[in-house]
């Protein structure tokens, strides 16, 4: 071989080695999952039965759809995925972007699947989304991810039989916090990010369902003044409130709600008040703005009640009824 050929081979090998080195495994926290939560709650709640992935009749499943690709991350090229469930019957349907909980650190989109399937059977296109968790990427990466998912869904609405004039966002726990923040910041440049292939499409939604998700990180019930770096909120923000007060306020959905940005919102609450911080204040403001809100409190001291029968059926019923009221078909 000539020197030029050897040089070319060396360059190719270096590039390949460098690319391989970047494909580091993404750190994953698996501590929040249905089976583990079930083991924790079954003694106090013997009636609890985990909700499982079970596709209802008349519902089509679209699995493992890539909604955005991040070309460069500390872990290499990164695909972000969603699941999608839609009624088999032809027509245009309202859609719900669904965000899982887990302290912005753990959990997966698959934890939303049973609820998504049940809602799809009631006439919704339901979309549990993956987002980057705090071990992989700090705030506001998750917000940018989900905004990209909204743009993808709107760009592909005809393919999935979605009526883009009836788009809601829902979330549980950390997912509820994200749903509220994203729901009140449609098209706000600070939160849009540049991910995905559908830049320029509006990220506005028409309703929010917040299931035990904090609205105000600065409220007394939720403000975490401890200096523990492993605390879920501290880890996600990359600093304590004292270190990053502006970030803690910025991520609080209540501070982005206004007469122009507020949309109808349903709150579904457990018996733990700290997860509802800021809710009463927001409801009072939305009443002045004549924007509909509704609240249902589940009388039980269990945070992730939506993961289990018999409560998941009630969650689905409240959510479907509320969205059918605030997202009426125009025909």
Protein backbone atom coordinates (compact mmCIF):
# COMPACT_ATOMS: atom_id res chain seq x y z
CA UNK A 1 0.00 0.00 0.00
CA UNK A 2 1.10 3.59 -0.62
CA UNK A 3 1.57 6.10 2.16
CA UNK A 4 -1.55 7.94 1.01
CA UNK A 5 -3.65 4.78 1.36
CA UNK A 6 -2.26 4.10 4.84
CA UNK A 7 -2.96 7.71 5.81
CA UNK A 8 -6.55 7.46 4.57
CA UNK A 9 -7.12 4.21 6.45
CA UNK A 10 -5.67 5.74 9.61
CA UNK A 11 -8.05 8.71 9.35
CA UNK A 12 -11.07 6.42 8.82
CA UNK A 13 -10.06 4.27 11.78
CA UNK A 14 -9.64 7.35 13.96
CA UNK A 15 -13.08 8.64 13.00
CA UNK A 16 -14.67 5.25 13.64
CA UNK A 17 -12.91 4.91 17.00
CA UNK A 18 -13.95 8.42 18.01
CA UNK A 19 -17.58 7.75 17.05
CA UNK A 20 -17.58 4.48 18.98
CA UNK A 21 -16.14 6.21 22.03
CA UNK A 22 -19.03 8.68 22.00
CA UNK A 23 -21.63 5.89 22.00
CA UNK A 24 -21.49 5.56 25.76
CA UNK A 25 -24.35 3.82 27.48
CA UNK A 26 -27.00 6.20 28.78
CA UNK A 27 -27.28 5.93 32.59
CA UNK A 28 -30.69 4.60 33.61
CA UNK A 29 -32.44 4.66 36.98
CA UNK A 30 -34.95 1.80 37.07
CA UNK A 31 -36.11 2.28 40.65
CA UNK A 32 -39.51 3.69 39.64
CA UNK A 33 -41.54 0.96 37.99
CA UNK A 34 -44.99 -0.55 38.42
CA UNK A 35 -43.90 -3.79 40.06
CA UNK A 36 -41.75 -2.05 42.65
CA UNK A 37 -44.47 0.46 43.49
CA UNK A 38 -46.94 -2.41 43.79
CA UNK A 39 -44.74 -4.17 46.33
CA UNK A 40 -44.61 -0.93 48.32
CA UNK A 41 -48.37 -0.27 48.37
CA UNK A 42 -50.08 -3.65 48.34
CA UNK A 43 -50.05 -4.06 52.14
CA UNK A 44 -51.90 -0.78 52.72
CA UNK A 45 -53.98 -1.10 49.54
CA UNK A 46 -54.81 -4.81 49.08
CA UNK A 47 -57.43 -3.91 46.47
CA UNK A 48 -54.73 -2.44 44.17
CA UNK A 49 -54.08 -4.33 40.94
CA UNK A 50 -51.38 -3.12 38.53
CA UNK A 51 -52.72 -1.85 35.22
CA UNK A 52 -51.04 -3.73 32.38
CA UNK A 53 -50.45 -3.25 28.66
CA UNK A 54 -53.55 -4.78 27.05
CA UNK A 55 -54.77 -3.47 23.70
CA UNK A 56 -58.57 -3.03 23.66
CA UNK A 57 -60.69 -4.11 20.72
CA UNK A 58 -61.10 -1.35 18.15
CA UNK A 59 -57.77 0.31 18.99
CA UNK A 60 -54.70 0.40 16.72
CA UNK A 61 -51.22 0.50 18.27
CA UNK A 62 -48.26 2.23 16.62
CA UNK A 63 -45.16 1.26 18.57
CA UNK A 64 -41.68 2.68 19.05
CA UNK A 65 -42.04 5.66 16.70
CA UNK A 66 -38.99 7.93 16.47
CA UNK A 67 -40.25 11.50 16.82
CA UNK A 68 -36.86 13.23 16.93
CA UNK A 69 -33.20 12.37 16.57
CA UNK A 70 -30.55 14.27 18.51
CA UNK A 71 -27.44 14.02 16.31
CA UNK A 72 -24.91 14.88 19.01
CA UNK A 73 -25.18 14.15 22.72
CA UNK A 74 -22.59 13.03 25.28
CA UNK A 75 -23.89 9.54 24.52
CA UNK A 76 -23.76 9.83 20.75
CA UNK A 77 -26.69 9.96 18.36
CA UNK A 78 -29.95 9.72 20.29
CA UNK A 79 -33.40 8.74 19.02
CA UNK A 80 -36.45 9.78 21.03
CA UNK A 81 -39.53 7.58 20.83
CA UNK A 82 -43.25 7.60 21.40
CA UNK A 83 -46.08 5.09 21.49
CA UNK A 84 -49.37 5.88 19.78
CA UNK A 85 -52.84 4.39 20.18
CA UNK A 86 -55.80 5.40 18.03
CA UNK A 87 -59.35 4.32 17.35
CA UNK A 88 -59.62 1.92 14.45
CA UNK A 89 -62.73 3.61 13.10
CA UNK A 90 -62.02 6.25 10.47
CA UNK A 91 -62.32 9.88 11.49
CA UNK A 92 -60.42 12.73 13.08
CA UNK A 93 -59.90 12.45 16.82
CA UNK A 94 -58.64 14.63 19.65
CA UNK A 95 -55.15 13.70 20.82
CA UNK A 96 -53.41 13.56 24.20
CA UNK A 97 -49.64 13.84 24.64
CA UNK A 98 -48.94 11.77 27.79
CA UNK A 99 -45.91 12.28 30.07
CA UNK A 100 -44.77 9.76 32.66
CA UNK A 101 -43.54 10.54 36.16
CA UNK A 102 -40.53 9.42 38.15
CA UNK A 103 -38.95 12.52 39.63
CA UNK A 104 -37.50 13.56 36.24
CA UNK A 105 -34.97 10.76 36.87
CA UNK A 106 -36.72 7.41 36.49
CA UNK A 107 -39.77 5.85 34.84
CA UNK A 108 -40.58 5.19 31.18
CA UNK A 109 -43.24 6.06 28.65
CA UNK A 110 -44.55 2.48 28.94
CA UNK A 111 -45.96 3.28 32.39
CA UNK A 112 -48.53 5.48 30.62
CA UNK A 113 -49.53 2.78 28.13
CA UNK A 114 -52.42 1.12 30.05
CA UNK A 115 -54.09 4.49 30.64
CA UNK A 116 -53.37 5.51 27.04
CA UNK A 117 -55.03 2.36 25.72
CA UNK A 118 -58.12 2.92 27.86
CA UNK A 119 -58.43 6.51 26.67
CA UNK A 120 -57.97 5.46 23.04
CA UNK A 121 -60.94 3.12 23.46
CA UNK A 122 -62.95 6.22 24.42
CA UNK A 123 -62.16 8.06 21.20
CA UNK A 124 -58.76 9.71 21.67
CA UNK A 125 -55.42 9.37 19.95
CA UNK A 126 -53.06 8.88 22.90
CA UNK A 127 -49.31 9.37 22.77
CA UNK A 128 -47.00 8.37 25.65
CA UNK A 129 -43.66 10.06 24.99
CA UNK A 130 -40.06 9.35 25.94
CA UNK A 131 -37.95 12.23 27.23
CA UNK A 132 -34.42 12.64 28.53
CA UNK A 133 -34.17 12.08 32.27
CA UNK A 134 -31.86 13.90 34.67
CA UNK A 135 -29.08 11.29 34.63
CA UNK A 136 -28.81 11.88 30.89
CA UNK A 137 -29.65 15.57 30.50
CA UNK A 138 -30.65 18.31 32.94
CA UNK A 139 -33.53 20.77 32.70
CA UNK A 140 -34.72 22.06 30.24
CA UNK A 141 -33.86 19.10 27.94
CA UNK A 142 -37.10 17.27 28.80
CA UNK A 143 -39.13 20.36 27.90
CA UNK A 144 -37.38 20.65 24.53
CA UNK A 145 -37.97 16.93 23.89
CA UNK A 146 -41.70 17.11 24.49
CA UNK A 147 -42.05 20.30 22.46
CA UNK A 148 -40.43 18.39 19.58
CA UNK A 149 -42.97 15.60 20.09
CA UNK A 150 -45.83 18.09 19.82
CA UNK A 151 -44.40 19.41 16.55
CA UNK A 152 -44.00 15.86 15.22
CA UNK A 153 -47.60 14.98 16.09
CA UNK A 154 -48.95 18.08 14.41
CA UNK A 155 -46.81 17.52 11.31
CA UNK A 156 -48.09 13.92 11.05
CA UNK A 157 -51.67 14.56 12.12
CA UNK A 158 -53.24 13.26 8.92
CA UNK A 159 -51.26 10.02 9.14
CA UNK A 160 -52.53 9.34 12.65
CA UNK A 161 -56.11 10.70 12.25
CA UNK A 162 -55.53 13.59 14.65
CA UNK A 163 -57.60 16.75 14.83
CA UNK A 164 -54.93 19.34 15.65
CA UNK A 165 -57.55 21.80 16.91
CA UNK A 166 -58.19 19.41 19.82
CA UNK A 167 -54.80 18.64 21.31
CA UNK A 168 -54.29 18.10 25.04
CA UNK A 169 -51.26 17.35 27.18
CA UNK A 170 -51.38 15.26 30.33
CA UNK A 171 -48.85 14.05 32.86
CA UNK A 172 -48.44 12.27 36.16
CA UNK A 173 -46.29 13.59 39.02
CA UNK A 174 -43.11 14.94 37.37
CA UNK A 175 -45.00 14.46 34.12
CA UNK A 176 -47.82 16.62 35.46
CA UNK A 177 -45.34 19.38 36.24
CA UNK A 178 -44.00 19.13 32.69
CA UNK A 179 -47.50 19.05 31.20
CA UNK A 180 -48.47 22.27 32.98
CA UNK A 181 -45.24 24.06 32.11
CA UNK A 182 -45.43 23.03 28.46
CA UNK A 183 -49.17 23.69 28.28
CA UNK A 184 -48.73 27.29 29.44
CA UNK A 185 -45.66 28.03 27.28
CA UNK A 186 -46.80 27.24 23.77
CA UNK A 187 -44.49 29.01 21.28
CA UNK A 188 -42.50 30.72 24.06
CA UNK A 189 -38.98 30.89 22.51
CA UNK A 190 -37.22 30.18 25.80
CA UNK A 191 -38.70 26.67 25.89
CA UNK A 192 -38.95 25.70 22.22
CA UNK A 193 -35.51 24.23 21.62
CA UNK A 194 -34.32 23.21 18.16
CA UNK A 195 -34.94 19.48 18.20
CA UNK A 196 -36.70 17.49 15.50
CA UNK A 197 -37.42 18.09 11.83
CA UNK A 198 -40.52 20.25 12.15
CA UNK A 199 -39.27 23.61 13.37
CA UNK A 200 -41.75 26.45 12.98
CA UNK A 201 -44.81 24.39 13.89
CA UNK A 202 -46.71 25.80 16.87
CA UNK A 203 -46.40 23.93 20.18
CA UNK A 204 -49.61 25.36 21.60
CA UNK A 205 -52.08 22.90 23.08
CA UNK A 206 -55.74 23.34 23.99
CA UNK A 207 -56.06 21.63 27.38
CA UNK A 208 -53.97 20.31 30.28
CA UNK A 209 -54.50 17.37 32.62
CA UNK A 210 -52.19 17.59 35.65
CA UNK A 211 -52.20 14.45 37.78
CA UNK A 212 -50.42 15.17 41.08
CA UNK A 213 -47.88 17.44 39.43
CA UNK A 214 -46.36 20.50 41.11
CA UNK A 215 -47.16 23.90 39.63
CA UNK A 216 -44.97 26.08 41.84
CA UNK A 217 -41.51 24.98 42.99
CA UNK A 218 -41.33 28.10 45.18
CA UNK A 219 -44.49 27.36 47.18
CA UNK A 220 -43.91 26.43 50.84
CA UNK A 221 -45.25 22.90 50.39
CA UNK A 222 -42.87 22.09 47.55
CA UNK A 223 -39.82 24.32 48.03
CA UNK A 224 -36.88 22.04 48.74
CA UNK A 225 -34.27 23.97 50.74
CA UNK A 226 -32.18 20.91 51.52
CA UNK A 227 -28.72 20.78 49.99
CA UNK A 228 -28.96 17.10 49.04
CA UNK A 229 -27.72 16.82 45.49
CA UNK A 230 -29.55 13.51 45.02
CA UNK A 231 -32.96 15.10 45.64
CA UNK A 232 -35.06 14.73 42.49
CA UNK A 233 -35.61 18.43 41.83
CA UNK A 234 -32.06 19.45 42.78
CA UNK A 235 -30.62 16.77 40.49
CA UNK A 236 -32.85 17.83 37.59
CA UNK A 237 -32.08 21.52 37.92
CA UNK A 238 -28.40 20.89 38.53
CA UNK A 239 -28.43 22.98 41.69
CA UNK A 240 -30.35 23.86 44.83
CA UNK A 241 -32.86 26.70 45.09
CA UNK A 242 -30.22 28.86 46.76
CA UNK A 243 -27.83 28.16 43.89
CA UNK A 244 -30.32 28.54 41.03
CA UNK A 245 -33.43 30.42 42.22
CA UNK A 246 -34.23 31.76 38.75
CA UNK A 247 -34.27 28.24 37.30
CA UNK A 248 -36.63 26.96 40.00
CA UNK A 249 -39.04 29.79 39.26
CA UNK A 250 -38.66 29.42 35.49
CA UNK A 251 -39.72 25.75 35.65
CA UNK A 252 -42.87 26.55 37.64
CA UNK A 253 -45.86 26.47 35.32
CA UNK A 254 -47.89 28.89 37.42
CA UNK A 255 -45.58 31.79 36.54
CA UNK A 256 -46.28 31.31 32.82
CA UNK A 257 -50.05 31.22 33.11
CA UNK A 258 -51.81 34.38 32.00
CA UNK A 259 -55.09 35.44 30.49
CA UNK A 260 -53.52 34.87 27.05
CA UNK A 261 -51.74 31.58 27.71
CA UNK A 262 -54.09 29.73 30.08
CA UNK A 263 -56.03 26.78 28.69
CA UNK A 264 -58.69 24.59 30.35
CA UNK A 265 -57.03 22.46 33.02
CA UNK A 266 -58.07 19.39 34.99
CA UNK A 267 -56.34 18.57 38.27
CA UNK A 268 -56.47 15.03 39.65
CA UNK A 269 -55.03 14.89 43.16
CA UNK A 270 -53.86 12.31 45.65
CA UNK A 271 -54.10 12.85 49.39
CA UNK A 272 -50.63 14.43 49.56
CA UNK A 273 -50.91 18.25 49.51
CA UNK A 274 -47.27 18.85 48.53
CA UNK A 275 -47.99 17.64 45.01
CA UNK A 276 -50.64 20.34 44.57
CA UNK A 277 -48.49 23.33 45.46
CA UNK A 278 -49.71 26.40 43.62
CA UNK A 279 -52.96 24.81 42.50
CA UNK A 280 -55.38 26.93 44.51
CA UNK A 281 -53.66 30.14 43.43
CA UNK A 282 -53.71 29.12 39.77
CA UNK A 283 -57.38 28.12 39.89
CA UNK A 284 -58.25 31.49 41.41
CA UNK A 285 -56.44 33.30 38.60
CA UNK A 286 -58.03 31.16 35.90
CA UNK A 287 -61.45 31.86 37.36
CA UNK A 288 -60.80 35.58 36.93
CA UNK A 289 -59.76 34.91 33.32
CA UNK A 290 -62.89 32.81 32.74
CA UNK A 291 -60.81 29.74 31.81
CA UNK A 292 -62.33 26.45 32.89
CA UNK A 293 -60.72 24.34 35.59
CA UNK A 294 -61.87 21.20 37.37
CA UNK A 295 -60.48 19.31 40.35
CA UNK A 296 -61.03 15.82 41.67
CA UNK A 297 -59.25 14.67 44.80
CA UNK A 298 -58.78 10.96 45.37
CA UNK A 299 -59.19 10.24 49.06
CA UNK A 300 -56.15 8.02 49.49
CA UNK A 301 -52.58 8.43 50.67
CA UNK A 302 -51.03 6.95 47.56
CA UNK A 303 -49.16 9.11 45.09
CA UNK A 304 -49.05 6.98 41.88
CA UNK A 305 -52.69 5.84 42.08
CA UNK A 306 -53.03 6.05 38.28
CA UNK A 307 -50.87 2.94 37.91
CA UNK A 308 -53.48 0.69 39.51
CA UNK A 309 -57.02 -0.58 39.24
CA UNK A 310 -59.54 0.49 40.45
CA UNK A 311 -58.28 4.10 40.32
CA UNK A 312 -56.98 4.13 36.76
CA UNK A 313 -60.54 3.62 35.48
CA UNK A 314 -61.65 6.65 37.44
CA UNK A 315 -58.74 8.72 36.13
CA UNK A 316 -59.66 7.77 32.56
CA UNK A 317 -63.31 8.61 33.14
CA UNK A 318 -62.59 12.05 34.65
CA UNK A 319 -60.03 12.86 31.95
CA UNK A 320 -62.24 11.74 29.04
CA UNK A 321 -65.28 13.62 30.35
CA UNK A 322 -63.31 16.81 30.91
CA UNK A 323 -61.60 16.75 27.51
CA UNK A 324 -64.84 15.96 25.69
CA UNK A 325 -66.31 19.03 27.36
CA UNK A 326 -63.47 21.47 26.64
CA UNK A 327 -62.41 20.04 23.25
CA UNK A 328 -65.82 19.65 21.58
CA UNK A 329 -66.10 18.39 18.02
CA UNK A 330 -66.87 21.30 15.74
CA UNK A 331 -69.09 19.37 13.31
